[in-house]
Amino acid sequence: MTDDATRAQLERLEERLTKVKAANTPPPRAEKDFRQANLAWRMVIELVAGLMIGFGIGFGLDKVLGTMPLFLVLFILAGLAAGIKTMLRSAREVQRREVAKAAGEGEDNGG
């Protein structure tokens, strides 16, 4: 009888340990959070790259032609516009992907 009582106690202890472990396990990291962060960094890099390319072209032209602030300002603004346009294109691409994914999931659930 002690054997059965000990076995029952061990089973109860094991159940309690399993419950405690389940309550204390951290939730898995969400891949979506990382994808959103990667998208944000991609957009920032695209904007900065546009600005830097515009700065480089404008500065180079101003040095060659001797018109210091003129082309610098114009090409920085053009680089900013190009960077914003590229960011918007990336955002549209991600939005299309999300819409297609949602439509695909809707078909799977509906049919």
PDB file of N, CA and C in Angstrom:
ATOM      1  N   MET A   1       0.799  -1.182   0.000  1.00  0.00           N
ATOM      2  CA  MET A   1       0.000   0.000   0.000  1.00  0.00           C
ATOM      3  C   MET A   1       0.851   1.259   0.000  1.00  0.00           C
ATOM      4  N   THR A   2       1.958   1.225   0.651  1.00  0.00           N
ATOM      5  CA  THR A   2       2.853   2.380   0.640  1.00  0.00           C
ATOM      6  C   THR A   2       3.341   2.648  -0.774  1.00  0.00           C
ATOM      7  N   ASP A   3       3.498   1.577  -1.517  1.00  0.00           N
ATOM      8  CA  ASP A   3       3.939   1.727  -2.900  1.00  0.00           C
ATOM      9  C   ASP A   3       2.900   2.492  -3.719  1.00  0.00           C
ATOM     10  N   ASP A   4       1.617   2.149  -3.539  1.00  0.00           N
ATOM     11  CA  ASP A   4       0.550   2.844  -4.256  1.00  0.00           C
ATOM     12  C   ASP A   4       0.440   4.298  -3.787  1.00  0.00           C
ATOM     13  N   ALA A   5       0.575   4.528  -2.499  1.00  0.00           N
ATOM     14  CA  ALA A   5       0.489   5.892  -1.968  1.00  0.00           C
ATOM     15  C   ALA A   5       1.657   6.739  -2.484  1.00  0.00           C
ATOM     16  N   THR A   6       2.833   6.156  -2.507  1.00  0.00           N
ATOM     17  CA  THR A   6       4.010   6.874  -3.005  1.00  0.00           C
ATOM     18  C   THR A   6       3.857   7.177  -4.488  1.00  0.00           C
ATOM     19  N   ARG A   7       3.361   6.211  -5.224  1.00  0.00           N
ATOM     20  CA  ARG A   7       3.154   6.400  -6.658  1.00  0.00           C
ATOM     21  C   ARG A   7       2.121   7.506  -6.903  1.00  0.00           C
ATOM     22  N   ALA A   8       1.058   7.539  -6.125  1.00  0.00           N
ATOM     23  CA  ALA A   8       0.024   8.559  -6.268  1.00  0.00           C
ATOM     24  C   ALA A   8       0.587   9.936  -5.924  1.00  0.00           C
ATOM     25  N   GLN A   9       1.403   9.989  -4.879  1.00  0.00           N
ATOM     26  CA  GLN A   9       2.029  11.262  -4.511  1.00  0.00           C
ATOM     27  C   GLN A   9       2.951  11.751  -5.619  1.00  0.00           C
ATOM     28  N   LEU A  10       3.723  10.846  -6.198  1.00  0.00           N
ATOM     29  CA  LEU A  10       4.631  11.209  -7.279  1.00  0.00           C
ATOM     30  C   LEU A  10       3.857  11.711  -8.508  1.00  0.00           C
ATOM     31  N   GLU A  11       2.738  11.079  -8.794  1.00  0.00           N
ATOM     32  CA  GLU A  11       1.920  11.520  -9.931  1.00  0.00           C
ATOM     33  C   GLU A  11       1.351  12.916  -9.688  1.00  0.00           C
ATOM     34  N   ARG A  12       0.874  13.161  -8.462  1.00  0.00           N
ATOM     35  CA  ARG A  12       0.355  14.501  -8.129  1.00  0.00           C
ATOM     36  C   ARG A  12       1.463  15.547  -8.209  1.00  0.00           C
ATOM     37  N   LEU A  13       2.643  15.182  -7.697  1.00  0.00           N
ATOM     38  CA  LEU A  13       3.784  16.093  -7.746  1.00  0.00           C
ATOM     39  C   LEU A  13       4.177  16.379  -9.195  1.00  0.00           C
ATOM     40  N   GLU A  14       4.151  15.342 -10.003  1.00  0.00           N
ATOM     41  CA  GLU A  14       4.494  15.525 -11.421  1.00  0.00           C
ATOM     42  C   GLU A  14       3.476  16.430 -12.115  1.00  0.00           C
ATOM     43  N   GLU A  15       2.211  16.280 -11.805  1.00  0.00           N
ATOM     44  CA  GLU A  15       1.171  17.147 -12.375  1.00  0.00           C
ATOM     45  C   GLU A  15       1.394  18.598 -11.965  1.00  0.00           C
ATOM     46  N   ARG A  16       1.694  18.799 -10.681  1.00  0.00           N
ATOM     47  CA  ARG A  16       1.936  20.166 -10.207  1.00  0.00           C
ATOM     48  C   ARG A  16       3.158  20.770 -10.888  1.00  0.00           C
ATOM     49  N   LEU A  17       4.224  19.979 -11.023  1.00  0.00           N
ATOM     50  CA  LEU A  17       5.433  20.468 -11.697  1.00  0.00           C
ATOM     51  C   LEU A  17       5.137  20.834 -13.155  1.00  0.00           C
ATOM     52  N   THR A  18       4.348  20.013 -13.813  1.00  0.00           N
ATOM     53  CA  THR A  18       3.992  20.284 -15.202  1.00  0.00           C
ATOM     54  C   THR A  18       3.205  21.592 -15.309  1.00  0.00           C
ATOM     55  N   LYS A  19       2.269  21.815 -14.388  1.00  0.00           N
ATOM     56  CA  LYS A  19       1.489  23.057 -14.395  1.00  0.00           C
ATOM     57  C   LYS A  19       2.378  24.275 -14.145  1.00  0.00           C
ATOM     58  N   VAL A  20       3.296  24.153 -13.191  1.00  0.00           N
ATOM     59  CA  VAL A  20       4.197  25.273 -12.883  1.00  0.00           C
ATOM     60  C   VAL A  20       5.111  25.564 -14.067  1.00  0.00           C
ATOM     61  N   LYS A  21       5.646  24.518 -14.688  1.00  0.00           N
ATOM     62  CA  LYS A  21       6.507  24.717 -15.851  1.00  0.00           C
ATOM     63  C   LYS A  21       5.736  25.377 -16.989  1.00  0.00           C
ATOM     64  N   ALA A  22       4.498  24.935 -17.206  1.00  0.00           N
ATOM     65  CA  ALA A  22       3.689  25.520 -18.280  1.00  0.00           C
ATOM     66  C   ALA A  22       3.386  26.989 -17.995  1.00  0.00           C
ATOM     67  N   ALA A  23       3.168  27.328 -16.735  1.00  0.00           N
ATOM     68  CA  ALA A  23       2.866  28.715 -16.386  1.00  0.00           C
ATOM     69  C   ALA A  23       4.095  29.604 -16.491  1.00  0.00           C
ATOM     70  N   ASN A  24       5.281  29.035 -16.292  1.00  0.00           N
ATOM     71  CA  ASN A  24       6.505  29.838 -16.274  1.00  0.00           C
ATOM     72  C   ASN A  24       7.268  29.856 -17.596  1.00  0.00           C
ATOM     73  N   THR A  25       6.828  29.099 -18.581  1.00  0.00           N
ATOM     74  CA  THR A  25       7.546  29.130 -19.856  1.00  0.00           C
ATOM     75  C   THR A  25       7.223  30.434 -20.576  1.00  0.00           C
ATOM     76  N   PRO A  26       8.242  31.109 -21.091  1.00  0.00           N
ATOM     77  CA  PRO A  26       7.989  32.370 -21.793  1.00  0.00           C
ATOM     78  C   PRO A  26       7.306  32.109 -23.126  1.00  0.00           C
ATOM     79  N   PRO A  27       6.486  33.054 -23.578  1.00  0.00           N
ATOM     80  CA  PRO A  27       5.826  32.861 -24.867  1.00  0.00           C
ATOM     81  C   PRO A  27       6.863  32.935 -25.991  1.00  0.00           C
ATOM     82  N   PRO A  28       6.632  32.245 -27.080  1.00  0.00           N
ATOM     83  CA  PRO A  28       7.593  32.296 -28.185  1.00  0.00           C
ATOM     84  C   PRO A  28       7.635  33.698 -28.795  1.00  0.00           C
ATOM     85  N   ARG A  29       8.796  34.077 -29.273  1.00  0.00           N
ATOM     86  CA  ARG A  29       8.929  35.397 -29.890  1.00  0.00           C
ATOM     87  C   ARG A  29       8.126  35.438 -31.177  1.00  0.00           C
ATOM     88  N   ALA A  30       7.492  36.567 -31.370  1.00  0.00           N
ATOM     89  CA  ALA A  30       6.666  36.719 -32.556  1.00  0.00           C
ATOM     90  C   ALA A  30       7.534  37.123 -33.741  1.00  0.00           C
ATOM     91  N   GLU A  31       7.471  36.344 -34.790  1.00  0.00           N
ATOM     92  CA  GLU A  31       8.231  36.661 -36.002  1.00  0.00           C
ATOM     93  C   GLU A  31       7.727  37.953 -36.624  1.00  0.00           C
ATOM     94  N   LYS A  32       6.453  38.248 -36.438  1.00  0.00           N
ATOM     95  CA  LYS A  32       5.876  39.447 -37.034  1.00  0.00           C
ATOM     96  C   LYS A  32       6.560  40.699 -36.488  1.00  0.00           C
ATOM     97  N   ASP A  33       6.886  40.686 -35.195  1.00  0.00           N
ATOM     98  CA  ASP A  33       7.563  41.843 -34.615  1.00  0.00           C
ATOM     99  C   ASP A  33       8.905  42.079 -35.285  1.00  0.00           C
ATOM    100  N   PHE A  34       9.635  41.004 -35.539  1.00  0.00           N
ATOM    101  CA  PHE A  34      10.925  41.141 -36.194  1.00  0.00           C
ATOM    102  C   PHE A  34      10.756  41.598 -37.636  1.00  0.00           C
ATOM    103  N   ARG A  35       9.736  41.103 -38.309  1.00  0.00           N
ATOM    104  CA  ARG A  35       9.511  41.515 -39.695  1.00  0.00           C
ATOM    105  C   ARG A  35       9.171  42.994 -39.756  1.00  0.00           C
ATOM    106  N   GLN A  36       8.376  43.461 -38.804  1.00  0.00           N
ATOM    107  CA  GLN A  36       8.018  44.886 -38.788  1.00  0.00           C
ATOM    108  C   GLN A  36       9.247  45.746 -38.514  1.00  0.00           C
ATOM    109  N   ALA A  37      10.100  45.292 -37.614  1.00  0.00           N
ATOM    110  CA  ALA A  37      11.321  46.048 -37.321  1.00  0.00           C
ATOM    111  C   ALA A  37      12.237  46.062 -38.534  1.00  0.00           C
ATOM    112  N   ASN A  38      12.354  44.932 -39.216  1.00  0.00           N
ATOM    113  CA  ASN A  38      13.178  44.893 -40.426  1.00  0.00           C
ATOM    114  C   ASN A  38      12.634  45.818 -41.497  1.00  0.00           C
ATOM    115  N   LEU A  39      11.322  45.857 -41.629  1.00  0.00           N
ATOM    116  CA  LEU A  39      10.705  46.754 -42.600  1.00  0.00           C
ATOM    117  C   LEU A  39      10.987  48.213 -42.245  1.00  0.00           C
ATOM    118  N   ALA A  40      10.887  48.539 -40.971  1.00  0.00           N
ATOM    119  CA  ALA A  40      11.150  49.917 -40.545  1.00  0.00           C
ATOM    120  C   ALA A  40      12.598  50.304 -40.832  1.00  0.00           C
ATOM    121  N   TRP A  41      13.538  49.413 -40.528  1.00  0.00           N
ATOM    122  CA  TRP A  41      14.942  49.715 -40.816  1.00  0.00           C
ATOM    123  C   TRP A  41      15.188  49.834 -42.311  1.00  0.00           C
ATOM    124  N   ARG A  42      14.533  48.986 -43.086  1.00  0.00           N
ATOM    125  CA  ARG A  42      14.683  49.063 -44.544  1.00  0.00           C
ATOM    126  C   ARG A  42      14.234  50.429 -45.053  1.00  0.00           C
ATOM    127  N   MET A  43      13.115  50.917 -44.544  1.00  0.00           N
ATOM    128  CA  MET A  43      12.607  52.219 -44.986  1.00  0.00           C
ATOM    129  C   MET A  43      13.534  53.355 -44.569  1.00  0.00           C
ATOM    130  N   VAL A  44      14.062  53.285 -43.356  1.00  0.00           N
ATOM    131  CA  VAL A  44      14.986  54.321 -42.889  1.00  0.00           C
ATOM    132  C   VAL A  44      16.241  54.322 -43.757  1.00  0.00           C
ATOM    133  N   ILE A  45      16.751  53.151 -44.062  1.00  0.00           N
ATOM    134  CA  ILE A  45      17.961  53.051 -44.883  1.00  0.00           C
ATOM    135  C   ILE A  45      17.703  53.576 -46.283  1.00  0.00           C
ATOM    136  N   GLU A  46      16.522  53.293 -46.836  1.00  0.00           N
ATOM    137  CA  GLU A  46      16.199  53.802 -48.169  1.00  0.00           C
ATOM    138  C   GLU A  46      16.152  55.327 -48.179  1.00  0.00           C
ATOM    139  N   LEU A  47      15.570  55.909 -47.141  1.00  0.00           N
ATOM    140  CA  LEU A  47      15.492  57.362 -47.069  1.00  0.00           C
ATOM    141  C   LEU A  47      16.879  57.979 -46.926  1.00  0.00           C
ATOM    142  N   VAL A  48      17.678  57.443 -46.033  1.00  0.00           N
ATOM    143  CA  VAL A  48      19.025  57.976 -45.808  1.00  0.00           C
ATOM    144  C   VAL A  48      19.890  57.782 -47.051  1.00  0.00           C
ATOM    145  N   ALA A  49      19.742  56.651 -47.726  1.00  0.00           N
ATOM    146  CA  ALA A  49      20.517  56.411 -48.940  1.00  0.00           C
ATOM    147  C   ALA A  49      20.167  57.437 -50.010  1.00  0.00           C
ATOM    148  N   GLY A  50      18.888  57.729 -50.168  1.00  0.00           N
ATOM    149  CA  GLY A  50      18.475  58.750 -51.135  1.00  0.00           C
ATOM    150  C   GLY A  50      19.071  60.106 -50.801  1.00  0.00           C
ATOM    151  N   LEU A  51      19.033  60.460 -49.535  1.00  0.00           N
ATOM    152  CA  LEU A  51      19.615  61.741 -49.105  1.00  0.00           C
ATOM    153  C   LEU A  51      21.121  61.782 -49.355  1.00  0.00           C
ATOM    154  N   MET A  52      21.809  60.705 -49.017  1.00  0.00           N
ATOM    155  CA  MET A  52      23.262  60.686 -49.174  1.00  0.00           C
ATOM    156  C   MET A  52      23.676  60.713 -50.645  1.00  0.00           C
ATOM    157  N   ILE A  53      22.952  60.009 -51.486  1.00  0.00           N
ATOM    158  CA  ILE A  53      23.263  60.042 -52.915  1.00  0.00           C
ATOM    159  C   ILE A  53      23.025  61.441 -53.464  1.00  0.00           C
ATOM    160  N   GLY A  54      21.901  62.044 -53.074  1.00  0.00           N
ATOM    161  CA  GLY A  54      21.626  63.423 -53.504  1.00  0.00           C
ATOM    162  C   GLY A  54      22.686  64.388 -53.013  1.00  0.00           C
ATOM    163  N   PHE A  55      23.118  64.229 -51.764  1.00  0.00           N
ATOM    164  CA  PHE A  55      24.173  65.083 -51.208  1.00  0.00           C
ATOM    165  C   PHE A  55      25.463  64.914 -51.998  1.00  0.00           C
ATOM    166  N   GLY A  56      25.833  63.665 -52.286  1.00  0.00           N
ATOM    167  CA  GLY A  56      27.077  63.406 -53.011  1.00  0.00           C
ATOM    168  C   GLY A  56      27.073  64.006 -54.408  1.00  0.00           C
ATOM    169  N   ILE A  57      25.975  63.814 -55.128  1.00  0.00           N
ATOM    170  CA  ILE A  57      25.891  64.364 -56.488  1.00  0.00           C
ATOM    171  C   ILE A  57      25.902  65.892 -56.445  1.00  0.00           C
ATOM    172  N   GLY A  58      25.098  66.469 -55.543  1.00  0.00           N
ATOM    173  CA  GLY A  58      25.026  67.929 -55.447  1.00  0.00           C
ATOM    174  C   GLY A  58      26.356  68.540 -55.038  1.00  0.00           C
ATOM    175  N   PHE A  59      27.001  67.946 -54.069  1.00  0.00           N
ATOM    176  CA  PHE A  59      28.287  68.463 -53.606  1.00  0.00           C
ATOM    177  C   PHE A  59      29.339  68.364 -54.709  1.00  0.00           C
ATOM    178  N   GLY A  60      29.347  67.224 -55.413  1.00  0.00           N
ATOM    179  CA  GLY A  60      30.300  67.043 -56.509  1.00  0.00           C
ATOM    180  C   GLY A  60      30.092  68.051 -57.624  1.00  0.00           C
ATOM    181  N   LEU A  61      28.839  68.245 -58.010  1.00  0.00           N
ATOM    182  CA  LEU A  61      28.562  69.232 -59.066  1.00  0.00           C
ATOM    183  C   LEU A  61      28.935  70.644 -58.627  1.00  0.00           C
ATOM    184  N   ASP A  62      28.640  70.970 -57.386  1.00  0.00           N
ATOM    185  CA  ASP A  62      28.990  72.306 -56.885  1.00  0.00           C
ATOM    186  C   ASP A  62      30.501  72.512 -56.861  1.00  0.00           C
ATOM    187  N   LYS A  63      31.245  71.490 -56.501  1.00  0.00           N
ATOM    188  CA  LYS A  63      32.709  71.604 -56.485  1.00  0.00           C
ATOM    189  C   LYS A  63      33.252  71.784 -57.900  1.00  0.00           C
ATOM    190  N   VAL A  64      32.730  71.003 -58.832  1.00  0.00           N
ATOM    191  CA  VAL A  64      33.210  71.066 -60.210  1.00  0.00           C
ATOM    192  C   VAL A  64      32.834  72.401 -60.866  1.00  0.00           C
ATOM    193  N   LEU A  65      31.597  72.826 -60.644  1.00  0.00           N
ATOM    194  CA  LEU A  65      31.107  74.034 -61.310  1.00  0.00           C
ATOM    195  C   LEU A  65      31.334  75.308 -60.502  1.00  0.00           C
ATOM    196  N   GLY A  66      31.720  75.201 -59.254  1.00  0.00           N
ATOM    197  CA  GLY A  66      31.992  76.368 -58.424  1.00  0.00           C
ATOM    198  C   GLY A  66      30.745  77.109 -57.968  1.00  0.00           C
ATOM    199  N   THR A  67      29.631  76.446 -57.872  1.00  0.00           N
ATOM    200  CA  THR A  67      28.371  77.066 -57.424  1.00  0.00           C
ATOM    201  C   THR A  67      27.948  76.402 -56.120  1.00  0.00           C
ATOM    202  N   MET A  68      28.665  76.720 -55.053  1.00  0.00           N
ATOM    203  CA  MET A  68      28.586  75.918 -53.830  1.00  0.00           C
ATOM    204  C   MET A  68      27.192  75.523 -53.341  1.00  0.00           C
ATOM    205  N   PRO A  69      26.266  76.339 -52.965  1.00  0.00           N
ATOM    206  CA  PRO A  69      25.051  75.773 -52.351  1.00  0.00           C
ATOM    207  C   PRO A  69      23.956  75.374 -53.332  1.00  0.00           C
ATOM    208  N   LEU A  70      24.060  75.769 -54.587  1.00  0.00           N
ATOM    209  CA  LEU A  70      22.943  75.601 -55.513  1.00  0.00           C
ATOM    210  C   LEU A  70      22.604  74.127 -55.764  1.00  0.00           C
ATOM    211  N   PHE A  71      23.502  73.368 -56.352  1.00  0.00           N
ATOM    212  CA  PHE A  71      23.215  71.973 -56.682  1.00  0.00           C
ATOM    213  C   PHE A  71      23.110  71.105 -55.428  1.00  0.00           C
ATOM    214  N   LEU A  72      23.815  71.480 -54.388  1.00  0.00           N
ATOM    215  CA  LEU A  72      23.742  70.738 -53.135  1.00  0.00           C
ATOM    216  C   LEU A  72      22.308  70.717 -52.614  1.00  0.00           C
ATOM    217  N   VAL A  73      21.702  71.882 -52.557  1.00  0.00           N
ATOM    218  CA  VAL A  73      20.319  71.983 -52.063  1.00  0.00           C
ATOM    219  C   VAL A  73      19.358  71.263 -53.010  1.00  0.00           C
ATOM    220  N   LEU A  74      19.522  71.482 -54.309  1.00  0.00           N
ATOM    221  CA  LEU A  74      18.606  70.861 -55.271  1.00  0.00           C
ATOM    222  C   LEU A  74      18.669  69.327 -55.222  1.00  0.00           C
ATOM    223  N   PHE A  75      19.885  68.787 -55.178  1.00  0.00           N
ATOM    224  CA  PHE A  75      20.014  67.331 -55.198  1.00  0.00           C
ATOM    225  C   PHE A  75      19.692  66.699 -53.843  1.00  0.00           C
ATOM    226  N   ILE A  76      19.862  67.425 -52.750  1.00  0.00           N
ATOM    227  CA  ILE A  76      19.402  66.892 -51.462  1.00  0.00           C
ATOM    228  C   ILE A  76      17.886  66.766 -51.475  1.00  0.00           C
ATOM    229  N   LEU A  77      17.217  67.778 -52.017  1.00  0.00           N
ATOM    230  CA  LEU A  77      15.752  67.700 -52.111  1.00  0.00           C
ATOM    231  C   LEU A  77      15.318  66.584 -53.061  1.00  0.00           C
ATOM    232  N   ALA A  78      16.049  66.439 -54.183  1.00  0.00           N
ATOM    233  CA  ALA A  78      15.728  65.351 -55.114  1.00  0.00           C
ATOM    234  C   ALA A  78      15.984  63.989 -54.451  1.00  0.00           C
ATOM    235  N   GLY A  79      17.057  63.880 -53.679  1.00  0.00           N
ATOM    236  CA  GLY A  79      17.344  62.634 -52.969  1.00  0.00           C
ATOM    237  C   GLY A  79      16.286  62.323 -51.925  1.00  0.00           C
ATOM    238  N   LEU A  80      15.813  63.356 -51.245  1.00  0.00           N
ATOM    239  CA  LEU A  80      14.737  63.171 -50.268  1.00  0.00           C
ATOM    240  C   LEU A  80      13.476  62.667 -50.958  1.00  0.00           C
ATOM    241  N   ALA A  81      13.142  63.279 -52.090  1.00  0.00           N
ATOM    242  CA  ALA A  81      11.955  62.849 -52.835  1.00  0.00           C
ATOM    243  C   ALA A  81      12.109  61.404 -53.319  1.00  0.00           C
ATOM    244  N   ALA A  82      13.289  61.067 -53.809  1.00  0.00           N
ATOM    245  CA  ALA A  82      13.524  59.695 -54.277  1.00  0.00           C
ATOM    246  C   ALA A  82      13.448  58.704 -53.117  1.00  0.00           C
ATOM    247  N   GLY A  83      14.002  59.072 -51.957  1.00  0.00           N
ATOM    248  CA  GLY A  83      13.942  58.202 -50.791  1.00  0.00           C
ATOM    249  C   GLY A  83      12.510  57.973 -50.321  1.00  0.00           C
ATOM    250  N   ILE A  84      11.733  59.034 -50.313  1.00  0.00           N
ATOM    251  CA  ILE A  84      10.324  58.904 -49.902  1.00  0.00           C
ATOM    252  C   ILE A  84       9.559  58.050 -50.900  1.00  0.00           C
ATOM    253  N   LYS A  85       9.826  58.258 -52.192  1.00  0.00           N
ATOM    254  CA  LYS A  85       9.150  57.453 -53.214  1.00  0.00           C
ATOM    255  C   LYS A  85       9.501  55.966 -53.048  1.00  0.00           C
ATOM    256  N   THR A  86      10.753  55.672 -52.760  1.00  0.00           N
ATOM    257  CA  THR A  86      11.173  54.288 -52.557  1.00  0.00           C
ATOM    258  C   THR A  86      10.536  53.701 -51.302  1.00  0.00           C
ATOM    259  N   MET A  87      10.446  54.506 -50.245  1.00  0.00           N
ATOM    260  CA  MET A  87       9.778  54.046 -49.019  1.00  0.00           C
ATOM    261  C   MET A  87       8.319  53.711 -49.290  1.00  0.00           C
ATOM    262  N   LEU A  88       7.640  54.571 -50.026  1.00  0.00           N
ATOM    263  CA  LEU A  88       6.229  54.321 -50.333  1.00  0.00           C
ATOM    264  C   LEU A  88       6.064  53.065 -51.188  1.00  0.00           C
ATOM    265  N   ARG A  89       6.991  52.846 -52.124  1.00  0.00           N
ATOM    266  CA  ARG A  89       6.935  51.642 -52.946  1.00  0.00           C
ATOM    267  C   ARG A  89       7.102  50.395 -52.078  1.00  0.00           C
ATOM    268  N   SER A  90       8.012  50.453 -51.113  1.00  0.00           N
ATOM    269  CA  SER A  90       8.215  49.326 -50.202  1.00  0.00           C
ATOM    270  C   SER A  90       6.969  49.081 -49.355  1.00  0.00           C
ATOM    271  N   ALA A  91       6.361  50.157 -48.886  1.00  0.00           N
ATOM    272  CA  ALA A  91       5.150  50.022 -48.068  1.00  0.00           C
ATOM    273  C   ALA A  91       4.019  49.406 -48.889  1.00  0.00           C
ATOM    274  N   ARG A  92       3.881  49.835 -50.156  1.00  0.00           N
ATOM    275  CA  ARG A  92       2.851  49.252 -51.017  1.00  0.00           C
ATOM    276  C   ARG A  92       3.113  47.770 -51.266  1.00  0.00           C
ATOM    277  N   GLU A  93       4.364  47.419 -51.460  1.00  0.00           N
ATOM    278  CA  GLU A  93       4.731  46.017 -51.685  1.00  0.00           C
ATOM    279  C   GLU A  93       4.358  45.163 -50.479  1.00  0.00           C
ATOM    280  N   VAL A  94       4.653  45.639 -49.286  1.00  0.00           N
ATOM    281  CA  VAL A  94       4.308  44.909 -48.067  1.00  0.00           C
ATOM    282  C   VAL A  94       2.794  44.830 -47.902  1.00  0.00           C
ATOM    283  N   GLN A  95       2.106  45.923 -48.215  1.00  0.00           N
ATOM    284  CA  GLN A  95       0.655  45.923 -48.095  1.00  0.00           C
ATOM    285  C   GLN A  95       0.040  44.911 -49.068  1.00  0.00           C
ATOM    286  N   ARG A  96       0.542  44.870 -50.303  1.00  0.00           N
ATOM    287  CA  ARG A  96       0.032  43.887 -51.269  1.00  0.00           C
ATOM    288  C   ARG A  96       0.250  42.462 -50.776  1.00  0.00           C
ATOM    289  N   ARG A  97       1.423  42.227 -50.193  1.00  0.00           N
ATOM    290  CA  ARG A  97       1.731  40.900 -49.666  1.00  0.00           C
ATOM    291  C   ARG A  97       0.767  40.523 -48.545  1.00  0.00           C
ATOM    292  N   GLU A  98       0.497  41.467 -47.653  1.00  0.00           N
ATOM    293  CA  GLU A  98      -0.419  41.208 -46.528  1.00  0.00           C
ATOM    294  C   GLU A  98      -1.839  40.960 -47.026  1.00  0.00           C
ATOM    295  N   VAL A  99      -2.280  41.741 -48.019  1.00  0.00           N
ATOM    296  CA  VAL A  99      -3.629  41.557 -48.562  1.00  0.00           C
ATOM    297  C   VAL A  99      -3.741  40.198 -49.244  1.00  0.00           C
ATOM    298  N   ALA A 100      -2.721  39.819 -50.006  1.00  0.00           N
ATOM    299  CA  ALA A 100      -2.737  38.513 -50.678  1.00  0.00           C
ATOM    300  C   ALA A 100      -2.733  37.384 -49.651  1.00  0.00           C
ATOM    301  N   LYS A 101      -1.965  37.561 -48.584  1.00  0.00           N
ATOM    302  CA  LYS A 101      -1.917  36.551 -47.525  1.00  0.00           C
ATOM    303  C   LYS A 101      -3.281  36.427 -46.847  1.00  0.00           C
ATOM    304  N   ALA A 102      -3.917  37.570 -46.554  1.00  0.00           N
ATOM    305  CA  ALA A 102      -5.229  37.551 -45.912  1.00  0.00           C
ATOM    306  C   ALA A 102      -6.273  36.924 -46.841  1.00  0.00           C
ATOM    307  N   ALA A 103      -6.175  37.223 -48.146  1.00  0.00           N
ATOM    308  CA  ALA A 103      -7.117  36.640 -49.101  1.00  0.00           C
ATOM    309  C   ALA A 103      -6.916  35.131 -49.193  1.00  0.00           C
ATOM    310  N   GLY A 104      -5.673  34.690 -49.152  1.00  0.00           N
ATOM    311  CA  GLY A 104      -5.382  33.256 -49.197  1.00  0.00           C
ATOM    312  C   GLY A 104      -5.914  32.547 -47.963  1.00  0.00           C
ATOM    313  N   GLU A 105      -5.770  33.171 -46.803  1.00  0.00           N
ATOM    314  CA  GLU A 105      -6.297  32.581 -45.564  1.00  0.00           C
ATOM    315  C   GLU A 105      -7.802  32.574 -45.584  1.00  0.00           C
ATOM    316  N   GLY A 106      -8.422  33.593 -46.179  1.00  0.00           N
ATOM    317  CA  GLY A 106      -9.883  33.652 -46.267  1.00  0.00           C
ATOM    318  C   GLY A 106     -10.429  32.539 -47.130  1.00  0.00           C
ATOM    319  N   GLU A 107      -9.721  32.222 -48.222  1.00  0.00           N
ATOM    320  CA  GLU A 107     -10.151  31.123 -49.081  1.00  0.00           C
ATOM    321  C   GLU A 107     -10.032  29.781 -48.374  1.00  0.00           C
ATOM    322  N   ASP A 108      -8.960  29.612 -47.591  1.00  0.00           N
ATOM    323  CA  ASP A 108      -8.768  28.353 -46.867  1.00  0.00           C
ATOM    324  C   ASP A 108      -9.854  28.153 -45.825  1.00  0.00           C
ATOM    325  N   ASN A 109     -10.245  29.220 -45.134  1.00  0.00           N
ATOM    326  CA  ASN A 109     -11.259  29.095 -44.099  1.00  0.00           C
ATOM    327  C   ASN A 109     -12.658  28.987 -44.678  1.00  0.00           C
ATOM    328  N   GLY A 110     -12.900  29.630 -45.810  1.00  0.00           N
ATOM    329  CA  GLY A 110     -14.245  29.684 -46.359  1.00  0.00           C
ATOM    330  C   GLY A 110     -14.615  28.459 -47.177  1.00  0.00           C
ATOM    331  N   GLY A 111     -13.652  27.752 -47.695  1.00  0.00           N
ATOM    332  CA  GLY A 111     -14.034  26.694 -48.621  1.00  0.00           C
ATOM    333  C   GLY A 111     -13.650  25.380 -48.194  1.00  0.00           C
TER     334      GLY A 111
END
